[in-house]
């Protein structure tokens, strides 16, 4: 009986484990491998030292259409700047507007706190490691 209880508890524990990642499957955004280090001591990234600020890392350095890095106040988030519900095109690079990223193709807004909008796919999120003043974003 003790073995059955142990196996049951162990299976519950393992079922509750999270890989730490989220589902980034999106048919519109290719899955590129990259690593970029952001030094917040540099003037172009110093706004990330304050909550609710975001910076854009250009296309060609990271992500499909660049990367938006956001300071939520309780951590840093990095999202692909490609519109998550549009095929890659000339108009599919999102722009930061306050605490939102806006897709110019369809004017859809996505929260930089959650990556969510009202359409099917959320913003594609990337991993972030913080070792101040360096923020590493990678996929």
N, C-alpha and C. Protein backbone atom coordinates (compact mmCIF):
# COMPACT_ATOMS: atom_id res chain seq x y z
N UNK A 1 0.82 -1.19 0.00
CA UNK A 1 0.00 0.00 0.00
C UNK A 1 0.87 1.27 0.00
N UNK A 2 1.97 1.22 0.76
CA UNK A 2 2.86 2.38 0.81
C UNK A 2 3.50 2.64 -0.55
N UNK A 3 3.83 1.57 -1.29
CA UNK A 3 4.42 1.74 -2.62
C UNK A 3 3.43 2.39 -3.57
N UNK A 4 2.18 2.00 -3.50
CA UNK A 4 1.15 2.59 -4.38
C UNK A 4 0.98 4.07 -4.06
N UNK A 5 0.95 4.42 -2.78
CA UNK A 5 0.82 5.82 -2.37
C UNK A 5 2.03 6.62 -2.83
N UNK A 6 3.22 6.03 -2.69
CA UNK A 6 4.44 6.71 -3.13
C UNK A 6 4.43 6.96 -4.64
N UNK A 7 4.06 5.95 -5.42
CA UNK A 7 4.00 6.09 -6.87
C UNK A 7 2.97 7.13 -7.26
N UNK A 8 1.84 7.14 -6.59
CA UNK A 8 0.79 8.12 -6.87
C UNK A 8 1.29 9.54 -6.59
N UNK A 9 1.92 9.76 -5.44
CA UNK A 9 2.44 11.08 -5.10
C UNK A 9 3.55 11.51 -6.05
N UNK A 10 4.40 10.56 -6.42
CA UNK A 10 5.48 10.87 -7.35
C UNK A 10 4.93 11.27 -8.72
N UNK A 11 3.90 10.57 -9.18
CA UNK A 11 3.30 10.91 -10.49
C UNK A 11 2.63 12.28 -10.45
N UNK A 12 2.00 12.63 -9.32
CA UNK A 12 1.41 13.97 -9.19
C UNK A 12 2.49 15.04 -9.22
N UNK A 13 3.60 14.78 -8.53
CA UNK A 13 4.70 15.73 -8.50
C UNK A 13 5.27 15.94 -9.90
N UNK A 14 5.52 14.87 -10.61
CA UNK A 14 6.09 14.97 -11.96
C UNK A 14 5.12 15.61 -12.94
N UNK A 15 3.85 15.36 -12.79
CA UNK A 15 2.85 15.96 -13.68
C UNK A 15 2.77 17.47 -13.46
N UNK A 16 3.12 17.92 -12.26
CA UNK A 16 3.06 19.35 -11.96
C UNK A 16 4.30 20.12 -12.33
N UNK A 17 5.33 19.44 -12.80
CA UNK A 17 6.57 20.12 -13.16
C UNK A 17 6.37 20.91 -14.45
N UNK A 18 6.97 22.09 -14.49
CA UNK A 18 6.90 22.95 -15.66
C UNK A 18 8.29 23.06 -16.24
N UNK A 19 8.39 23.01 -17.56
CA UNK A 19 9.69 23.10 -18.22
C UNK A 19 10.26 24.51 -18.18
N UNK A 20 9.44 25.49 -17.74
CA UNK A 20 9.92 26.86 -17.69
C UNK A 20 9.72 27.59 -18.99
N UNK A 21 9.27 26.91 -20.00
CA UNK A 21 9.06 27.54 -21.29
C UNK A 21 7.58 27.67 -21.58
N UNK A 22 7.28 28.37 -22.62
CA UNK A 22 5.90 28.48 -23.04
C UNK A 22 5.81 27.96 -24.47
N UNK A 23 4.61 27.72 -24.91
CA UNK A 23 4.42 27.21 -26.26
C UNK A 23 4.62 28.35 -27.25
N UNK A 24 5.69 28.30 -27.99
CA UNK A 24 6.01 29.35 -28.96
C UNK A 24 5.72 28.92 -30.38
N UNK A 25 4.88 27.92 -30.56
CA UNK A 25 4.55 27.48 -31.91
C UNK A 25 3.63 28.50 -32.56
N UNK A 26 4.11 29.11 -33.62
CA UNK A 26 3.34 30.09 -34.37
C UNK A 26 3.66 29.87 -35.84
N UNK A 27 2.64 29.62 -36.67
CA UNK A 27 2.91 29.33 -38.08
C UNK A 27 3.42 30.53 -38.87
N UNK A 28 3.29 31.73 -38.33
CA UNK A 28 3.69 32.94 -39.05
C UNK A 28 5.12 33.38 -38.74
N UNK A 29 5.66 32.95 -37.59
CA UNK A 29 6.98 33.43 -37.16
C UNK A 29 7.98 32.28 -37.14
N UNK A 30 9.02 32.35 -37.98
CA UNK A 30 10.04 31.28 -37.98
C UNK A 30 10.76 31.21 -36.64
N UNK A 31 11.32 30.07 -36.34
CA UNK A 31 12.01 29.84 -35.08
C UNK A 31 13.52 29.98 -35.29
N UNK A 32 14.05 31.18 -35.08
CA UNK A 32 15.48 31.44 -35.25
C UNK A 32 16.21 31.25 -33.93
N UNK A 33 17.45 30.76 -34.00
CA UNK A 33 18.32 30.69 -32.83
C UNK A 33 19.18 31.95 -32.80
N UNK A 34 19.26 32.57 -31.63
CA UNK A 34 20.09 33.77 -31.48
C UNK A 34 20.38 33.99 -30.00
N UNK A 35 21.37 34.80 -29.74
CA UNK A 35 21.67 35.30 -28.41
C UNK A 35 22.12 36.74 -28.56
N UNK A 36 21.53 37.62 -27.77
CA UNK A 36 21.94 39.02 -27.80
C UNK A 36 22.06 39.51 -26.36
N UNK A 37 23.16 40.22 -26.08
CA UNK A 37 23.39 40.81 -24.76
C UNK A 37 23.10 42.30 -24.83
N UNK A 38 22.31 42.78 -23.88
CA UNK A 38 21.93 44.19 -23.81
C UNK A 38 22.58 44.77 -22.56
N UNK A 39 23.39 45.81 -22.74
CA UNK A 39 24.05 46.47 -21.63
C UNK A 39 23.24 47.71 -21.26
N UNK A 40 22.56 47.66 -20.11
CA UNK A 40 21.71 48.78 -19.70
C UNK A 40 22.51 50.01 -19.28
N UNK A 41 23.83 49.91 -19.20
CA UNK A 41 24.66 51.09 -18.93
C UNK A 41 24.80 51.95 -20.18
N UNK A 42 24.51 51.38 -21.35
CA UNK A 42 24.58 52.16 -22.59
C UNK A 42 23.33 53.05 -22.71
N UNK A 43 23.49 54.29 -23.19
CA UNK A 43 22.34 55.21 -23.28
C UNK A 43 21.15 54.67 -24.07
N UNK A 44 21.39 53.92 -25.12
CA UNK A 44 20.27 53.45 -25.94
C UNK A 44 19.41 52.41 -25.23
N UNK A 45 19.92 51.78 -24.17
CA UNK A 45 19.17 50.78 -23.43
C UNK A 45 18.89 51.19 -21.98
N UNK A 46 19.32 52.37 -21.57
CA UNK A 46 19.19 52.78 -20.17
C UNK A 46 17.73 52.92 -19.72
N UNK A 47 16.79 53.12 -20.64
CA UNK A 47 15.39 53.23 -20.24
C UNK A 47 14.85 51.93 -19.65
N UNK A 48 15.53 50.80 -19.93
CA UNK A 48 15.10 49.52 -19.37
C UNK A 48 15.33 49.44 -17.86
N UNK A 49 16.02 50.41 -17.28
CA UNK A 49 16.24 50.41 -15.84
C UNK A 49 14.98 50.80 -15.09
N UNK A 50 13.96 51.28 -15.81
CA UNK A 50 12.74 51.77 -15.18
C UNK A 50 11.53 50.95 -15.63
N UNK A 51 10.63 50.62 -14.69
CA UNK A 51 9.46 49.81 -15.03
C UNK A 51 8.59 50.43 -16.13
N UNK A 52 7.94 49.57 -16.88
CA UNK A 52 7.01 49.92 -17.97
C UNK A 52 7.69 50.56 -19.17
N UNK A 53 9.00 50.38 -19.31
CA UNK A 53 9.72 50.86 -20.48
C UNK A 53 10.15 49.68 -21.33
N UNK A 54 10.22 49.94 -22.63
CA UNK A 54 10.61 48.90 -23.59
C UNK A 54 11.63 49.47 -24.56
N UNK A 55 12.45 48.59 -25.11
CA UNK A 55 13.37 48.96 -26.19
C UNK A 55 13.21 47.96 -27.33
N UNK A 56 13.53 48.41 -28.51
CA UNK A 56 13.44 47.59 -29.71
C UNK A 56 14.85 47.24 -30.17
N UNK A 57 15.12 45.95 -30.33
CA UNK A 57 16.38 45.46 -30.88
C UNK A 57 16.10 45.16 -32.35
N UNK A 58 16.81 45.78 -33.29
CA UNK A 58 16.46 45.69 -34.71
C UNK A 58 16.53 44.30 -35.32
N UNK A 59 15.78 44.16 -36.39
CA UNK A 59 15.79 42.94 -37.19
C UNK A 59 17.21 42.71 -37.70
N UNK A 60 17.60 41.47 -37.80
CA UNK A 60 18.95 41.12 -38.24
C UNK A 60 19.87 40.84 -37.07
N UNK A 61 19.55 41.40 -35.91
CA UNK A 61 20.32 41.13 -34.70
C UNK A 61 19.68 39.97 -33.93
N UNK A 62 18.35 40.01 -33.85
CA UNK A 62 17.61 38.98 -33.10
C UNK A 62 16.19 38.89 -33.61
N UNK A 63 15.61 37.70 -33.54
CA UNK A 63 14.22 37.49 -33.89
C UNK A 63 13.94 37.59 -35.38
N UNK A 64 12.69 37.36 -35.74
CA UNK A 64 12.28 37.42 -37.15
C UNK A 64 12.18 38.86 -37.64
N UNK A 65 11.64 39.75 -36.81
CA UNK A 65 11.49 41.17 -37.16
C UNK A 65 12.08 42.06 -36.08
N UNK A 66 13.03 41.52 -35.33
CA UNK A 66 13.60 42.24 -34.21
C UNK A 66 12.97 41.75 -32.93
N UNK A 67 13.40 42.31 -31.80
CA UNK A 67 12.91 41.89 -30.49
C UNK A 67 12.54 43.13 -29.67
N UNK A 68 11.44 43.02 -28.95
CA UNK A 68 11.03 44.06 -28.00
C UNK A 68 11.34 43.53 -26.61
N UNK A 69 12.16 44.27 -25.85
CA UNK A 69 12.50 43.90 -24.48
C UNK A 69 11.76 44.88 -23.57
N UNK A 70 11.09 44.34 -22.54
CA UNK A 70 10.20 45.14 -21.69
C UNK A 70 10.51 44.90 -20.22
N UNK A 71 10.56 45.99 -19.43
CA UNK A 71 10.73 45.91 -17.98
C UNK A 71 9.35 46.01 -17.36
N UNK A 72 8.86 44.91 -16.79
CA UNK A 72 7.51 44.90 -16.20
C UNK A 72 7.49 45.44 -14.78
N UNK A 73 8.65 45.69 -14.20
CA UNK A 73 8.72 46.10 -12.80
C UNK A 73 9.02 44.91 -11.90
N UNK A 74 8.63 43.71 -12.34
CA UNK A 74 8.92 42.51 -11.56
C UNK A 74 9.79 41.54 -12.36
N UNK A 75 10.24 41.97 -13.52
CA UNK A 75 11.09 41.15 -14.36
C UNK A 75 11.16 41.70 -15.76
N UNK A 76 11.94 41.06 -16.60
CA UNK A 76 12.12 41.49 -17.98
C UNK A 76 11.51 40.44 -18.91
N UNK A 77 10.83 40.91 -19.95
CA UNK A 77 10.24 40.04 -20.95
C UNK A 77 10.81 40.43 -22.31
N UNK A 78 10.94 39.45 -23.17
CA UNK A 78 11.41 39.69 -24.55
C UNK A 78 10.45 38.99 -25.51
N UNK A 79 10.00 39.74 -26.51
CA UNK A 79 9.07 39.23 -27.50
C UNK A 79 9.59 39.52 -28.90
N UNK A 80 9.24 38.66 -29.85
CA UNK A 80 9.54 38.96 -31.24
C UNK A 80 8.69 40.15 -31.66
N UNK A 81 9.27 41.03 -32.45
CA UNK A 81 8.54 42.22 -32.91
C UNK A 81 7.66 41.93 -34.12
N UNK A 82 7.64 40.69 -34.59
CA UNK A 82 6.78 40.32 -35.71
C UNK A 82 5.34 40.19 -35.23
N UNK A 83 4.40 40.69 -36.00
CA UNK A 83 2.98 40.53 -35.66
C UNK A 83 2.66 39.04 -35.60
N UNK A 84 2.14 38.57 -34.48
CA UNK A 84 1.94 37.13 -34.32
C UNK A 84 0.79 36.53 -35.12
N UNK A 85 -0.09 37.36 -35.65
CA UNK A 85 -1.25 36.85 -36.39
C UNK A 85 -1.23 37.30 -37.85
N UNK A 86 -0.05 37.63 -38.35
CA UNK A 86 0.12 38.07 -39.74
C UNK A 86 1.33 37.36 -40.34
N UNK A 87 1.26 37.02 -41.63
CA UNK A 87 2.48 36.51 -42.28
C UNK A 87 3.55 37.61 -42.29
N UNK A 88 4.82 37.20 -42.30
CA UNK A 88 5.92 38.17 -42.35
C UNK A 88 5.80 38.98 -43.63
N UNK A 89 5.76 40.30 -43.48
CA UNK A 89 5.64 41.21 -44.62
C UNK A 89 6.24 42.56 -44.25
N UNK A 90 6.11 43.53 -45.16
CA UNK A 90 6.66 44.87 -44.90
C UNK A 90 5.96 45.56 -43.73
N UNK A 91 4.68 45.24 -43.49
CA UNK A 91 3.94 45.93 -42.43
C UNK A 91 3.88 45.13 -41.13
N UNK A 92 4.58 44.01 -41.03
CA UNK A 92 4.39 43.14 -39.87
C UNK A 92 5.38 43.36 -38.72
N UNK A 93 6.05 44.50 -38.67
CA UNK A 93 6.92 44.82 -37.54
C UNK A 93 6.15 45.69 -36.56
N UNK A 94 5.96 45.18 -35.35
CA UNK A 94 5.18 45.92 -34.36
C UNK A 94 5.95 47.11 -33.82
N UNK A 95 5.19 48.11 -33.40
CA UNK A 95 5.75 49.30 -32.79
C UNK A 95 5.31 49.36 -31.33
N UNK A 96 6.18 49.88 -30.47
CA UNK A 96 5.85 50.02 -29.06
C UNK A 96 5.07 51.31 -28.87
N UNK A 97 3.95 51.18 -28.15
CA UNK A 97 3.11 52.33 -27.81
C UNK A 97 2.76 52.21 -26.33
N UNK A 98 3.58 52.81 -25.48
CA UNK A 98 3.37 52.69 -24.03
C UNK A 98 3.63 51.28 -23.57
N UNK A 99 2.61 50.65 -22.98
CA UNK A 99 2.74 49.28 -22.48
C UNK A 99 2.17 48.28 -23.48
N UNK A 100 2.00 48.70 -24.73
CA UNK A 100 1.48 47.83 -25.77
C UNK A 100 2.43 47.78 -26.96
N UNK A 101 2.34 46.67 -27.68
CA UNK A 101 2.97 46.56 -28.99
C UNK A 101 1.81 46.54 -29.98
N UNK A 102 1.92 47.35 -31.03
CA UNK A 102 0.82 47.49 -31.99
C UNK A 102 1.28 46.99 -33.35
N UNK A 103 0.47 46.13 -33.95
CA UNK A 103 0.74 45.61 -35.29
C UNK A 103 0.14 46.58 -36.31
N UNK A 104 0.96 47.17 -37.18
CA UNK A 104 0.43 48.13 -38.15
C UNK A 104 -0.44 47.49 -39.24
N UNK A 105 -0.33 46.18 -39.44
CA UNK A 105 -1.14 45.51 -40.48
C UNK A 105 -2.62 45.53 -40.13
N UNK A 106 -2.94 45.22 -38.86
CA UNK A 106 -4.34 45.10 -38.45
C UNK A 106 -4.70 45.96 -37.24
N UNK A 107 -3.75 46.79 -36.76
CA UNK A 107 -3.93 47.68 -35.60
C UNK A 107 -4.24 46.92 -34.30
N UNK A 108 -3.91 45.63 -34.26
CA UNK A 108 -4.11 44.84 -33.05
C UNK A 108 -3.08 45.23 -32.00
N UNK A 109 -3.54 45.38 -30.75
CA UNK A 109 -2.65 45.71 -29.64
C UNK A 109 -2.38 44.46 -28.80
N UNK A 110 -1.13 44.35 -28.34
CA UNK A 110 -0.71 43.24 -27.48
C UNK A 110 -0.08 43.83 -26.23
N UNK A 111 -0.47 43.32 -25.07
CA UNK A 111 0.08 43.78 -23.81
C UNK A 111 1.53 43.31 -23.68
N UNK A 112 2.41 44.22 -23.30
CA UNK A 112 3.81 43.84 -23.08
C UNK A 112 3.99 43.15 -21.73
N UNK A 113 2.98 43.23 -20.86
CA UNK A 113 3.03 42.51 -19.59
C UNK A 113 2.76 41.02 -19.79
N UNK A 114 1.87 40.69 -20.74
CA UNK A 114 1.46 39.30 -20.93
C UNK A 114 1.75 38.75 -22.32
N UNK A 115 1.90 39.61 -23.31
CA UNK A 115 2.07 39.18 -24.69
C UNK A 115 0.75 38.85 -25.37
N UNK A 116 -0.35 39.06 -24.68
CA UNK A 116 -1.65 38.68 -25.21
C UNK A 116 -2.35 39.82 -25.94
N UNK A 117 -3.06 39.45 -26.99
CA UNK A 117 -3.96 40.35 -27.69
C UNK A 117 -5.31 39.66 -27.75
N UNK A 118 -6.17 40.08 -28.66
CA UNK A 118 -7.49 39.45 -28.74
C UNK A 118 -7.58 38.41 -29.86
N UNK A 119 -6.52 38.22 -30.62
CA UNK A 119 -6.53 37.26 -31.72
C UNK A 119 -5.96 35.91 -31.28
N UNK A 120 -5.86 34.97 -32.21
CA UNK A 120 -5.51 33.59 -31.89
C UNK A 120 -4.14 33.43 -31.22
N UNK A 121 -3.10 34.05 -31.78
CA UNK A 121 -1.74 33.82 -31.29
C UNK A 121 -1.24 34.98 -30.44
N UNK A 122 -0.58 34.68 -29.30
CA UNK A 122 0.07 35.73 -28.52
C UNK A 122 1.41 36.09 -29.16
N UNK A 123 2.05 37.11 -28.62
CA UNK A 123 3.39 37.48 -29.07
C UNK A 123 4.34 36.32 -28.78
N UNK A 124 5.30 36.11 -29.68
CA UNK A 124 6.29 35.04 -29.49
C UNK A 124 7.30 35.51 -28.44
N UNK A 125 7.41 34.75 -27.36
CA UNK A 125 8.26 35.14 -26.24
C UNK A 125 9.59 34.42 -26.29
N UNK A 126 10.65 35.14 -25.90
CA UNK A 126 11.99 34.57 -25.84
C UNK A 126 12.48 34.52 -24.39
N UNK A 127 13.51 33.74 -24.17
CA UNK A 127 14.08 33.59 -22.83
C UNK A 127 14.93 34.81 -22.48
N UNK A 128 14.96 35.12 -21.18
CA UNK A 128 15.71 36.27 -20.68
C UNK A 128 16.50 35.85 -19.45
N UNK A 129 17.79 36.20 -19.41
CA UNK A 129 18.62 36.03 -18.22
C UNK A 129 19.11 37.42 -17.81
N UNK A 130 19.01 37.71 -16.53
CA UNK A 130 19.41 39.03 -16.03
C UNK A 130 20.59 38.87 -15.11
N UNK A 131 21.68 39.58 -15.43
CA UNK A 131 22.86 39.69 -14.59
C UNK A 131 23.29 41.15 -14.71
N UNK A 132 22.60 42.01 -13.96
CA UNK A 132 22.72 43.46 -14.14
C UNK A 132 24.17 43.91 -14.19
N UNK A 133 24.51 44.79 -15.11
CA UNK A 133 23.63 45.55 -16.01
C UNK A 133 23.35 44.85 -17.35
N UNK A 134 23.69 43.58 -17.46
CA UNK A 134 23.50 42.86 -18.73
C UNK A 134 22.20 42.06 -18.71
N UNK A 135 21.44 42.18 -19.78
CA UNK A 135 20.27 41.35 -20.01
C UNK A 135 20.57 40.51 -21.25
N UNK A 136 20.50 39.20 -21.10
CA UNK A 136 20.73 38.30 -22.23
C UNK A 136 19.37 37.78 -22.70
N UNK A 137 19.12 37.95 -24.01
CA UNK A 137 17.89 37.45 -24.64
C UNK A 137 18.32 36.37 -25.63
N UNK A 138 17.65 35.23 -25.58
CA UNK A 138 18.05 34.14 -26.47
C UNK A 138 16.88 33.24 -26.79
N UNK A 139 17.09 32.45 -27.83
CA UNK A 139 16.12 31.45 -28.24
C UNK A 139 16.87 30.15 -28.53
